[in-house]
Amino acid sequence: MILVNTDYIEGKTLEMLGIVGGATIQSKHIGKDIGAGFKTLVGGELRGYTEMMEEARSIAEKRMVENAEKMGADAVVNVRYTTSAIMQGASEVMVYGTAVKFR
């Protein structure tokens, strides 16, 4: 599956199939949350949260690809990611785009 953040794929004629998306909500356990709280006192990267967000993006993207494959898509164009805080230590990641088929 080809994923691009442009509205075209060089050399391909595209048939639009529709919007597809995937989402997940991730959180870290209380121990990681407490550790991150201490880290904010001294500064620096919150690696536990970085890992959490990388994992969440991967899960959301996989779900979007699965939805595109169900539509018979060859690619997804205009791929966009968005995040929002759901509560302390938990974030939602959504990825969406337009499923397309090559002509």
N, C-alpha and C. Protein backbone atom coordinates (compact mmCIF):
# COMPACT_ATOMS: atom_id res chain seq x y z
N MET A 1 0.85 -1.18 0.00
CA MET A 1 0.00 0.00 0.00
C MET A 1 0.90 1.24 0.00
N ILE A 2 0.64 2.13 -0.95
CA ILE A 2 1.39 3.38 -1.03
C ILE A 2 0.65 4.44 -0.21
N LEU A 3 1.38 5.14 0.67
CA LEU A 3 0.82 6.23 1.46
C LEU A 3 1.60 7.49 1.15
N VAL A 4 0.91 8.56 0.75
CA VAL A 4 1.57 9.83 0.45
C VAL A 4 0.77 10.97 1.04
N ASN A 5 1.45 12.08 1.30
CA ASN A 5 0.75 13.24 1.83
C ASN A 5 0.45 14.27 0.74
N THR A 6 0.61 13.87 -0.52
CA THR A 6 0.25 14.71 -1.65
C THR A 6 -1.08 14.23 -2.21
N ASP A 7 -1.65 15.01 -3.13
CA ASP A 7 -2.93 14.61 -3.71
C ASP A 7 -2.76 13.87 -5.03
N TYR A 8 -1.54 13.46 -5.34
CA TYR A 8 -1.25 12.72 -6.56
C TYR A 8 -0.09 11.75 -6.31
N ILE A 9 0.05 10.82 -7.23
CA ILE A 9 1.21 9.93 -7.25
C ILE A 9 1.79 10.03 -8.65
N GLU A 10 3.02 10.47 -8.73
CA GLU A 10 3.67 10.72 -10.02
C GLU A 10 3.51 9.52 -10.96
N GLY A 11 3.01 9.78 -12.18
CA GLY A 11 2.89 8.74 -13.20
C GLY A 11 1.66 7.87 -13.07
N LYS A 12 0.79 8.14 -12.12
CA LYS A 12 -0.41 7.31 -11.91
C LYS A 12 -1.67 8.15 -12.14
N THR A 13 -2.66 7.53 -12.77
CA THR A 13 -3.99 8.12 -12.86
C THR A 13 -4.81 7.49 -11.74
N LEU A 14 -5.45 8.33 -10.93
CA LEU A 14 -6.12 7.84 -9.72
C LEU A 14 -7.63 7.91 -9.83
N GLU A 15 -8.27 6.87 -9.34
CA GLU A 15 -9.73 6.84 -9.16
C GLU A 15 -9.99 6.96 -7.66
N MET A 16 -10.69 8.01 -7.26
CA MET A 16 -10.96 8.23 -5.84
C MET A 16 -12.03 7.24 -5.36
N LEU A 17 -11.76 6.59 -4.24
CA LEU A 17 -12.71 5.63 -3.67
C LEU A 17 -13.43 6.20 -2.45
N GLY A 18 -12.80 7.09 -1.72
CA GLY A 18 -13.42 7.68 -0.54
C GLY A 18 -12.45 7.90 0.59
N ILE A 19 -12.93 8.54 1.61
CA ILE A 19 -12.11 8.83 2.79
C ILE A 19 -11.96 7.58 3.63
N VAL A 20 -10.73 7.37 4.13
CA VAL A 20 -10.46 6.26 5.05
C VAL A 20 -9.72 6.82 6.25
N GLY A 21 -9.83 6.13 7.34
CA GLY A 21 -9.16 6.57 8.55
C GLY A 21 -8.91 5.42 9.51
N GLY A 22 -8.11 5.72 10.50
CA GLY A 22 -7.84 4.79 11.58
C GLY A 22 -7.53 5.59 12.82
N ALA A 23 -7.80 5.05 13.98
CA ALA A 23 -7.58 5.77 15.23
C ALA A 23 -7.26 4.81 16.36
N THR A 24 -6.64 5.35 17.39
CA THR A 24 -6.39 4.61 18.62
C THR A 24 -6.24 5.61 19.76
N ILE A 25 -6.49 5.15 20.95
CA ILE A 25 -6.24 5.94 22.16
C ILE A 25 -5.24 5.14 22.99
N GLN A 26 -4.14 5.79 23.34
CA GLN A 26 -3.07 5.13 24.07
C GLN A 26 -2.81 5.84 25.39
N SER A 27 -2.37 5.07 26.37
CA SER A 27 -1.94 5.67 27.64
C SER A 27 -0.77 4.86 28.18
N LYS A 28 -0.03 5.49 29.07
CA LYS A 28 1.06 4.81 29.75
C LYS A 28 0.58 4.44 31.16
N HIS A 29 1.18 3.40 31.73
CA HIS A 29 0.79 2.99 33.07
C HIS A 29 1.27 4.01 34.10
N ILE A 30 0.76 3.95 35.28
CA ILE A 30 0.99 4.95 36.32
C ILE A 30 2.46 5.14 36.64
N GLY A 31 3.25 4.07 36.62
CA GLY A 31 4.69 4.19 36.90
C GLY A 31 5.39 5.08 35.88
N LYS A 32 5.07 4.89 34.60
CA LYS A 32 5.66 5.73 33.55
C LYS A 32 5.18 7.17 33.69
N ASP A 33 3.91 7.35 34.07
CA ASP A 33 3.34 8.69 34.22
C ASP A 33 4.04 9.44 35.36
N ILE A 34 4.30 8.76 36.46
CA ILE A 34 5.00 9.37 37.59
C ILE A 34 6.43 9.73 37.18
N GLY A 35 7.10 8.81 36.48
CA GLY A 35 8.46 9.06 36.00
C GLY A 35 8.51 10.26 35.07
N ALA A 36 7.52 10.39 34.20
CA ALA A 36 7.46 11.53 33.28
C ALA A 36 7.24 12.82 34.06
N GLY A 37 6.45 12.75 35.12
CA GLY A 37 6.21 13.93 35.96
C GLY A 37 7.50 14.44 36.57
N PHE A 38 8.34 13.52 37.04
CA PHE A 38 9.64 13.91 37.60
C PHE A 38 10.55 14.50 36.51
N LYS A 39 10.48 13.93 35.32
CA LYS A 39 11.33 14.40 34.22
C LYS A 39 10.98 15.84 33.84
N THR A 40 9.73 16.23 33.99
CA THR A 40 9.35 17.61 33.64
C THR A 40 10.02 18.62 34.57
N LEU A 41 10.46 18.18 35.74
CA LEU A 41 11.15 19.09 36.66
C LEU A 41 12.54 19.46 36.18
N VAL A 42 13.21 18.53 35.49
CA VAL A 42 14.58 18.78 35.05
C VAL A 42 14.69 19.01 33.55
N GLY A 43 13.64 18.73 32.82
CA GLY A 43 13.64 18.93 31.37
C GLY A 43 14.16 17.73 30.62
N GLY A 44 13.95 17.75 29.31
CA GLY A 44 14.42 16.67 28.45
C GLY A 44 13.26 15.91 27.83
N GLU A 45 13.62 14.99 26.98
CA GLU A 45 12.63 14.20 26.26
C GLU A 45 11.93 13.23 27.20
N LEU A 46 10.63 13.12 27.04
CA LEU A 46 9.84 12.13 27.78
C LEU A 46 9.75 10.88 26.91
N ARG A 47 10.76 10.03 27.00
CA ARG A 47 10.88 8.90 26.08
C ARG A 47 9.69 7.95 26.14
N GLY A 48 9.15 7.75 27.32
CA GLY A 48 7.98 6.88 27.43
C GLY A 48 6.82 7.40 26.60
N TYR A 49 6.62 8.70 26.62
CA TYR A 49 5.54 9.29 25.83
C TYR A 49 5.87 9.31 24.34
N THR A 50 7.15 9.51 24.01
CA THR A 50 7.56 9.44 22.61
C THR A 50 7.26 8.05 22.05
N GLU A 51 7.64 7.03 22.80
CA GLU A 51 7.37 5.65 22.38
C GLU A 51 5.87 5.39 22.27
N MET A 52 5.11 5.91 23.24
CA MET A 52 3.66 5.73 23.22
C MET A 52 3.06 6.33 21.95
N MET A 53 3.50 7.54 21.59
CA MET A 53 2.94 8.20 20.41
C MET A 53 3.38 7.52 19.12
N GLU A 54 4.61 7.03 19.06
CA GLU A 54 5.07 6.29 17.88
C GLU A 54 4.24 5.02 17.70
N GLU A 55 3.99 4.32 18.79
CA GLU A 55 3.18 3.11 18.74
C GLU A 55 1.75 3.45 18.32
N ALA A 56 1.20 4.51 18.86
CA ALA A 56 -0.17 4.91 18.52
C ALA A 56 -0.28 5.27 17.04
N ARG A 57 0.70 6.02 16.51
CA ARG A 57 0.66 6.37 15.08
C ARG A 57 0.71 5.11 14.22
N SER A 58 1.54 4.16 14.61
CA SER A 58 1.66 2.91 13.86
C SER A 58 0.35 2.13 13.86
N ILE A 59 -0.30 2.04 15.01
CA ILE A 59 -1.58 1.32 15.12
C ILE A 59 -2.65 2.02 14.28
N ALA A 60 -2.74 3.34 14.40
CA ALA A 60 -3.76 4.09 13.65
C ALA A 60 -3.52 3.95 12.15
N GLU A 61 -2.26 4.03 11.72
CA GLU A 61 -1.94 3.89 10.30
C GLU A 61 -2.31 2.50 9.79
N LYS A 62 -2.00 1.48 10.57
CA LYS A 62 -2.34 0.09 10.19
C LYS A 62 -3.84 -0.06 10.02
N ARG A 63 -4.62 0.53 10.90
CA ARG A 63 -6.07 0.46 10.80
C ARG A 63 -6.58 1.19 9.56
N MET A 64 -5.97 2.33 9.23
CA MET A 64 -6.37 3.05 8.03
C MET A 64 -6.08 2.20 6.79
N VAL A 65 -4.89 1.60 6.74
CA VAL A 65 -4.52 0.76 5.60
C VAL A 65 -5.49 -0.42 5.47
N GLU A 66 -5.84 -1.04 6.57
CA GLU A 66 -6.80 -2.15 6.53
C GLU A 66 -8.14 -1.69 5.96
N ASN A 67 -8.60 -0.50 6.35
CA ASN A 67 -9.85 0.03 5.83
C ASN A 67 -9.74 0.33 4.33
N ALA A 68 -8.60 0.85 3.90
CA ALA A 68 -8.38 1.13 2.48
C ALA A 68 -8.36 -0.17 1.67
N GLU A 69 -7.71 -1.19 2.21
CA GLU A 69 -7.66 -2.49 1.52
C GLU A 69 -9.05 -3.08 1.36
N LYS A 70 -9.91 -2.92 2.35
CA LYS A 70 -11.29 -3.41 2.26
C LYS A 70 -12.05 -2.73 1.13
N MET A 71 -11.66 -1.49 0.79
CA MET A 71 -12.29 -0.75 -0.31
C MET A 71 -11.66 -1.09 -1.65
N GLY A 72 -10.61 -1.90 -1.64
CA GLY A 72 -9.92 -2.26 -2.87
C GLY A 72 -8.90 -1.22 -3.32
N ALA A 73 -8.41 -0.40 -2.41
CA ALA A 73 -7.48 0.68 -2.75
C ALA A 73 -6.08 0.16 -3.02
N ASP A 74 -5.38 0.88 -3.89
CA ASP A 74 -3.96 0.63 -4.15
C ASP A 74 -3.08 1.57 -3.35
N ALA A 75 -3.67 2.70 -2.92
CA ALA A 75 -2.90 3.72 -2.22
C ALA A 75 -3.84 4.61 -1.42
N VAL A 76 -3.25 5.42 -0.54
CA VAL A 76 -3.99 6.47 0.17
C VAL A 76 -3.21 7.76 -0.05
N VAL A 77 -3.91 8.78 -0.56
CA VAL A 77 -3.29 10.08 -0.80
C VAL A 77 -3.81 11.08 0.23
N ASN A 78 -3.12 12.22 0.32
CA ASN A 78 -3.48 13.27 1.28
C ASN A 78 -3.53 12.75 2.72
N VAL A 79 -2.57 11.90 3.08
CA VAL A 79 -2.53 11.32 4.42
C VAL A 79 -2.20 12.41 5.44
N ARG A 80 -3.01 12.47 6.49
CA ARG A 80 -2.82 13.45 7.56
C ARG A 80 -2.95 12.74 8.91
N TYR A 81 -2.17 13.23 9.88
CA TYR A 81 -2.22 12.73 11.26
C TYR A 81 -2.73 13.84 12.16
N THR A 82 -3.48 13.47 13.17
CA THR A 82 -3.92 14.43 14.17
C THR A 82 -3.90 13.76 15.53
N THR A 83 -3.65 14.54 16.56
CA THR A 83 -3.65 14.01 17.92
C THR A 83 -4.45 14.93 18.82
N SER A 84 -4.94 14.36 19.89
CA SER A 84 -5.61 15.16 20.91
C SER A 84 -5.46 14.47 22.25
N ALA A 85 -5.38 15.27 23.28
CA ALA A 85 -5.30 14.73 24.64
C ALA A 85 -6.70 14.35 25.08
N ILE A 86 -6.85 13.14 25.55
CA ILE A 86 -8.14 12.65 26.04
C ILE A 86 -8.25 12.91 27.54
N MET A 87 -7.15 12.66 28.24
CA MET A 87 -7.05 12.88 29.68
C MET A 87 -5.57 12.89 30.04
N GLN A 88 -5.25 13.13 31.26
CA GLN A 88 -3.85 13.13 31.70
C GLN A 88 -3.19 11.81 31.32
N GLY A 89 -2.16 11.85 30.48
CA GLY A 89 -1.42 10.65 30.14
C GLY A 89 -2.03 9.79 29.05
N ALA A 90 -3.11 10.24 28.41
CA ALA A 90 -3.74 9.47 27.34
C ALA A 90 -4.00 10.38 26.15
N SER A 91 -3.67 9.88 24.97
CA SER A 91 -3.86 10.66 23.75
C SER A 91 -4.52 9.82 22.68
N GLU A 92 -5.31 10.50 21.86
CA GLU A 92 -5.91 9.87 20.69
C GLU A 92 -5.08 10.26 19.48
N VAL A 93 -4.80 9.30 18.64
CA VAL A 93 -4.13 9.55 17.37
C VAL A 93 -5.06 9.09 16.27
N MET A 94 -5.28 9.98 15.30
CA MET A 94 -6.10 9.63 14.15
C MET A 94 -5.26 9.88 12.89
N VAL A 95 -5.42 9.02 11.91
CA VAL A 95 -4.80 9.20 10.60
C VAL A 95 -5.89 9.01 9.57
N TYR A 96 -5.89 9.85 8.55
CA TYR A 96 -6.92 9.77 7.54
C TYR A 96 -6.38 10.23 6.19
N GLY A 97 -7.08 9.86 5.14
CA GLY A 97 -6.68 10.24 3.79
C GLY A 97 -7.75 9.77 2.82
N THR A 98 -7.42 9.86 1.53
CA THR A 98 -8.33 9.45 0.47
C THR A 98 -7.82 8.17 -0.15
N ALA A 99 -8.65 7.13 -0.10
CA ALA A 99 -8.30 5.86 -0.71
C ALA A 99 -8.46 6.00 -2.23
N VAL A 100 -7.47 5.48 -2.98
CA VAL A 100 -7.50 5.56 -4.44
C VAL A 100 -7.13 4.23 -5.07
N LYS A 101 -7.60 4.06 -6.27
CA LYS A 101 -7.26 2.88 -7.08
C LYS A 101 -6.56 3.39 -8.32
N PHE A 102 -5.54 2.64 -8.79
CA PHE A 102 -4.84 3.01 -10.01
C PHE A 102 -5.67 2.60 -11.21
N ARG A 103 -5.69 3.47 -12.21
CA ARG A 103 -6.40 3.13 -13.47
C ARG A 103 -5.42 2.56 -14.46
